[in-house]
Amino acid sequence: MKIRPLYDRIVVKRIEETEKMQGGLYIPDSAKEKPQEGEVVAVGKGKRLEDGKVVALDVTVGDRILFGKYSGSDIKLDNEEYLIMREDEVLGILDKQPVSASKSKAS
């Protein structure tokens, strides 16, 4: 991919989760909600403050992020769909190591 976002913008590829149909129902693609999770594929240099300083972004290439349903603008490059959005539209960065939900109880 040959795109370099400007300032505090990032380019995100949606992560499609495969859904298994239960009960044999078929849901067409037009009725499915688009995922709100993605992987950052390109980042800008940073946000320029009023005094002219550039502040680096918190997200980096390869981060898995969560974003709002209506965040960003859809773009198509090399027959792939991406989103381009500002860093402040990112709701959170997902940890690479999943945290175990079950905790052992101490006696």
Protein backbone atom coordinates (compact mmCIF):
# COMPACT_ATOMS: atom_id res chain seq x y z
CA MET A 1 0.00 0.00 0.00
CA LYS A 2 1.33 3.41 -0.90
CA ILE A 3 -0.38 5.98 1.28
CA ARG A 4 1.02 8.24 3.97
CA PRO A 5 -1.66 9.91 6.07
CA LEU A 6 -1.05 13.50 7.13
CA TYR A 7 -0.79 14.87 10.65
CA ASP A 8 -2.87 12.91 13.19
CA ARG A 9 -4.66 10.68 10.70
CA ILE A 10 -4.35 6.90 10.56
CA VAL A 11 -5.30 4.26 7.99
CA VAL A 12 -7.15 1.24 9.39
CA LYS A 13 -8.12 -2.11 7.87
CA ARG A 14 -11.27 -3.58 9.40
CA ILE A 15 -10.87 -6.98 11.02
CA GLU A 16 -13.65 -9.25 9.82
CA GLU A 17 -14.73 -11.76 12.45
CA THR A 18 -16.15 -14.93 10.94
CA GLU A 19 -19.60 -15.64 12.28
CA LYS A 20 -20.99 -19.13 12.46
CA MET A 21 -24.66 -19.32 11.64
CA GLN A 22 -26.81 -20.85 14.35
CA GLY A 23 -30.18 -22.24 13.41
CA GLY A 24 -29.42 -22.20 9.69
CA LEU A 25 -30.29 -18.53 9.15
CA TYR A 26 -28.49 -16.70 6.38
CA ILE A 27 -27.78 -13.01 6.92
CA PRO A 28 -26.87 -11.13 3.72
CA ASP A 29 -23.81 -8.87 3.77
CA SER A 30 -26.00 -5.78 3.37
CA ALA A 31 -27.75 -6.55 6.68
CA LYS A 32 -24.60 -7.19 8.71
CA GLU A 33 -23.03 -4.46 10.77
CA LYS A 34 -19.49 -3.57 9.85
CA PRO A 35 -16.95 -4.49 12.52
CA GLN A 36 -15.71 -1.73 14.78
CA GLU A 37 -12.33 -3.33 15.29
CA GLY A 38 -9.37 -2.87 13.01
CA GLU A 39 -5.63 -2.98 12.51
CA VAL A 40 -3.60 0.17 11.95
CA VAL A 41 -1.71 -0.06 8.64
CA ALA A 42 -0.31 3.49 8.37
CA VAL A 43 0.06 6.52 10.67
CA GLY A 44 0.79 10.20 10.14
CA LYS A 45 3.70 12.14 11.66
CA GLY A 46 1.66 13.52 14.56
CA LYS A 47 -0.65 16.30 15.67
CA ARG A 48 0.59 19.86 15.23
CA LEU A 49 -0.13 22.05 18.23
CA GLU A 50 -0.88 25.79 18.13
CA ASP A 51 2.72 26.63 19.03
CA GLY A 52 3.99 24.62 16.02
CA LYS A 53 5.26 21.57 17.92
CA VAL A 54 4.39 18.12 16.57
CA VAL A 55 3.19 15.55 19.12
CA ALA A 56 3.70 11.90 18.14
CA LEU A 57 0.66 9.62 17.94
CA ASP A 58 -0.14 6.98 20.58
CA VAL A 59 -1.12 4.36 17.99
CA THR A 60 1.49 2.58 15.90
CA VAL A 61 1.36 0.38 12.80
CA GLY A 62 0.13 -3.08 13.76
CA ASP A 63 -2.01 -1.99 16.73
CA ARG A 64 -5.51 -3.48 16.99
CA ILE A 65 -7.94 -0.71 17.80
CA LEU A 66 -11.61 -0.12 18.56
CA PHE A 67 -13.45 2.75 16.90
CA GLY A 68 -16.97 4.14 16.75
CA LYS A 69 -19.61 2.94 14.31
CA TYR A 70 -19.53 6.13 12.23
CA SER A 71 -15.81 6.92 12.57
CA GLY A 72 -13.57 7.76 9.65
CA SER A 73 -14.07 7.79 5.91
CA ASP A 74 -14.12 4.69 3.73
CA ILE A 75 -11.42 4.53 1.06
CA LYS A 76 -10.49 1.85 -1.47
CA LEU A 77 -6.87 1.18 -2.43
CA ASP A 78 -5.64 -1.73 -4.55
CA ASN A 79 -9.12 -3.35 -4.36
CA GLU A 80 -8.94 -3.36 -0.54
CA GLU A 81 -11.23 -1.34 1.71
CA TYR A 82 -9.71 0.84 4.43
CA LEU A 83 -10.79 3.59 6.80
CA ILE A 84 -8.92 6.84 7.24
CA MET A 85 -9.61 8.63 10.53
CA ARG A 86 -8.13 10.98 13.08
CA GLU A 87 -6.43 9.48 16.09
CA ASP A 88 -8.99 11.10 18.43
CA GLU A 89 -11.70 8.88 16.87
CA VAL A 90 -9.95 5.79 18.27
CA LEU A 91 -11.75 4.52 21.37
CA GLY A 92 -8.99 2.22 22.58
CA ILE A 93 -6.05 -0.01 21.71
CA LEU A 94 -6.50 -3.75 22.30
CA ASP A 95 -3.73 -5.58 24.14
CA LYS A 96 -1.79 -8.13 22.14
CA GLN A 97 -1.83 -10.65 25.01
CA PRO A 98 -5.36 -11.69 26.03
CA VAL A 99 -5.97 -11.44 29.77
CA SER A 100 -7.41 -14.55 31.39
CA ALA A 101 -10.97 -13.96 32.55
CA SER A 102 -10.85 -16.63 35.24
CA LYS A 103 -8.91 -15.83 38.39
CA SER A 104 -7.79 -18.43 40.88
CA LYS A 105 -9.13 -17.95 44.40
CA ALA A 106 -6.65 -17.87 47.26
CA SER A 107 -7.57 -20.03 50.27
